[in-house]
Amino acid sequence: MKLDWTRGGLAEGLRCYRAREFFDAHEHWEGVWLQLQEPEKTFLQALIQMAAAFHHLQRSNVRGATSLLRTSLRRLESCLALSAGISVASLCEEIREWLKLLEAGEAPTGLPFPEIRLSS
């Protein structure tokens, strides 16, 4: 199944993620995830975990956010540089920046949330 980020649950989840509505993004994507086969299933699971991590962070659960970001990064790193129409390399780099600060006990104040960039 090719992932179509322009409509349905993927598009709505992406809109929510970009609006920093991380719990809602997670919910929309999970509905799609349940219907997928590998390798798309693992890829979308990584995005779901990233969204859940930032939801935890919004609720001041730094430990939970850090753990989920690590897991998400491991899954994303196993994907191609560009997977399912998303630039995975840049996404991984941005997650690494967040993890570096969180693991050092620093607040990532001013650091933008990792951007999900669609390929053209």
Protein backbone atom coordinates (compact mmCIF):
# COMPACT_ATOMS: atom_id res chain seq x y z
CA MET A 1 0.00 0.00 0.00
CA LYS A 2 1.41 3.39 -1.01
CA LEU A 3 1.02 5.99 1.70
CA ASP A 4 -0.98 8.98 0.45
CA TRP A 5 -0.34 12.03 2.64
CA THR A 6 -2.86 14.19 0.74
CA ARG A 7 -6.10 12.67 2.04
CA GLY A 8 -7.70 10.57 4.72
CA GLY A 9 -6.15 9.71 8.06
CA LEU A 10 -2.59 10.38 6.93
CA ALA A 11 -3.41 13.91 5.75
CA GLU A 12 -5.46 14.67 8.85
CA GLY A 13 -2.72 13.32 11.11
CA LEU A 14 -0.12 15.41 9.29
CA ARG A 15 -2.30 18.51 9.70
CA CYS A 16 -2.65 17.77 13.43
CA TYR A 17 1.08 17.13 13.83
CA ARG A 18 1.95 20.43 12.16
CA ALA A 19 -0.57 22.17 14.43
CA ARG A 20 1.16 20.56 17.45
CA GLU A 21 -1.94 18.49 18.17
CA PHE A 22 0.23 15.45 18.76
CA PHE A 23 -2.32 13.20 20.44
CA ASP A 24 -4.77 13.71 17.58
CA ALA A 25 -2.03 13.09 15.00
CA HIS A 26 -1.21 9.84 16.77
CA GLU A 27 -4.87 8.79 16.71
CA HIS A 28 -5.37 9.53 12.99
CA TRP A 29 -2.20 7.71 12.02
CA GLU A 30 -2.96 4.74 14.22
CA GLY A 31 -6.21 4.19 12.33
CA VAL A 32 -4.20 3.89 9.10
CA TRP A 33 -1.41 1.87 10.76
CA LEU A 34 -3.84 -0.89 11.71
CA GLN A 35 -4.50 -1.54 8.00
CA LEU A 36 -0.89 -1.52 6.77
CA GLN A 37 1.57 -4.27 5.93
CA GLU A 38 5.36 -4.11 6.21
CA PRO A 39 7.47 -2.10 5.56
CA GLU A 40 4.98 0.79 5.66
CA LYS A 41 3.62 -0.43 9.00
CA THR A 42 6.97 -0.02 10.80
CA PHE A 43 7.59 3.33 9.13
CA LEU A 44 4.24 4.76 10.23
CA GLN A 45 4.72 3.27 13.69
CA ALA A 46 7.87 5.38 14.02
CA LEU A 47 5.91 8.54 13.19
CA ILE A 48 3.17 7.55 15.63
CA GLN A 49 5.79 7.11 18.36
CA MET A 50 7.31 10.49 17.55
CA ALA A 51 3.91 12.17 17.83
CA ALA A 52 3.23 10.33 21.09
CA ALA A 53 6.63 11.46 22.40
CA PHE A 54 5.78 15.11 21.84
CA HIS A 55 2.37 14.57 23.44
CA HIS A 56 4.21 13.24 26.51
CA LEU A 57 6.48 16.26 26.45
CA GLN A 58 3.47 18.59 26.37
CA ARG A 59 2.35 16.84 29.55
CA SER A 60 5.81 17.30 31.15
CA ASN A 61 6.69 13.60 30.89
CA VAL A 62 10.29 14.02 29.76
CA ARG A 63 11.26 10.41 30.50
CA GLY A 64 8.39 9.00 28.41
CA ALA A 65 9.09 11.46 25.59
CA THR A 66 12.78 10.59 25.52
CA SER A 67 12.11 6.85 25.46
CA LEU A 68 9.59 7.13 22.62
CA LEU A 69 11.88 9.40 20.60
CA ARG A 70 14.71 6.87 20.92
CA THR A 71 12.44 4.07 19.70
CA SER A 72 11.08 6.19 16.87
CA LEU A 73 14.59 7.14 15.77
CA ARG A 74 15.74 3.49 15.71
CA ARG A 75 12.83 2.58 13.46
CA LEU A 76 13.32 5.57 11.17
CA GLU A 77 17.06 4.92 10.84
CA SER A 78 16.26 1.50 9.39
CA CYS A 79 14.24 3.16 6.62
CA LEU A 80 15.54 4.53 3.36
CA ALA A 81 16.70 8.16 3.18
CA LEU A 82 13.34 8.93 1.61
CA SER A 83 10.53 6.64 2.64
CA ALA A 84 6.83 6.80 1.86
CA GLY A 85 7.23 10.28 0.40
CA ILE A 86 8.93 11.73 3.50
CA SER A 87 12.50 12.92 3.91
CA VAL A 88 13.61 10.52 6.63
CA ALA A 89 17.24 11.71 6.83
CA SER A 90 16.33 15.25 7.85
CA LEU A 91 13.65 13.98 10.23
CA CYS A 92 16.19 11.71 11.96
CA GLU A 93 18.65 14.58 12.31
CA GLU A 94 16.03 16.78 13.96
CA ILE A 95 15.03 13.99 16.36
CA ARG A 96 18.72 13.53 17.28
CA GLU A 97 18.90 17.24 18.18
CA TRP A 98 15.91 16.84 20.50
CA LEU A 99 17.35 13.71 22.08
CA LYS A 100 20.72 15.36 22.67
CA LEU A 101 19.08 18.12 24.70
CA LEU A 102 16.59 15.90 26.52
CA GLU A 103 19.24 13.35 27.48
CA ALA A 104 21.47 16.17 28.78
CA GLY A 105 18.59 17.34 30.96
CA GLU A 106 18.23 20.58 29.03
CA ALA A 107 14.93 22.13 28.02
CA PRO A 108 14.69 22.29 24.22
CA THR A 109 13.34 25.84 24.42
CA GLY A 110 13.17 27.42 21.00
CA LEU A 111 14.02 24.20 19.16
CA PRO A 112 11.37 23.61 16.50
CA PHE A 113 9.58 20.30 16.50
CA PRO A 114 10.94 17.91 13.85
CA GLU A 115 9.37 18.73 10.52
CA ILE A 116 7.76 16.07 8.40
CA ARG A 117 8.80 17.10 4.90
CA LEU A 118 6.97 15.61 1.94
CA SER A 119 8.91 14.98 -1.24
CA SER A 120 7.63 16.60 -4.39
